[in-house]
Amino acid sequence: MSIRSAAPADWNRLVDRMQWFQLTLASTPEGRAAVTRMIDDPCPTVREWSTTNALAWDPAIALPALRRQIEADGPRTFTAKVVLHEYEAGRLNTSWTPKGRPPVELR
C-alpha cells in the first residue's frame, strides 16, 4: 500500500501503528533521542511526525524545526501551523493510545 493512495481506514491503521512505536520510543531516553534525531530525516513524513512528538521532551530542538517547516511554505505547512497552534495552546497530545493491541513486534 502506498501512503499516497491509502484509503482513510488504511491511513488510520498506519497512524495507529506509528503511534504504538512512538509511545514505545518515548518511554526511554534512548528512544526519545532517536525520535529527536529523526527531525532531520530526508522523508518529510518522518520529519513531521518526529518534530511533533519531540515537542513533548525537547522543544528547544523541535520548535525551530517546526518553524522551518512552516517557513518552507510547502504542502506540510498547514499541518505544521496546526501543531504549533495546539502546542502553544497547551492542547497538543502526543501520548494518546491507539485502540486495539500493539503491533506484534511490540508485544
Foldseek 3Di string as FASTA:
>chain_A
DDPVPDDPVRVVVVVQQVLLLLLVLVVDPNSLVVLLVQCPPPDPVSVLLSLLSNCVPCVVSSVVSLVVCLVVPDPCNVVSVVSVVCVVVVNRDSNDHDPDDHPPVVD
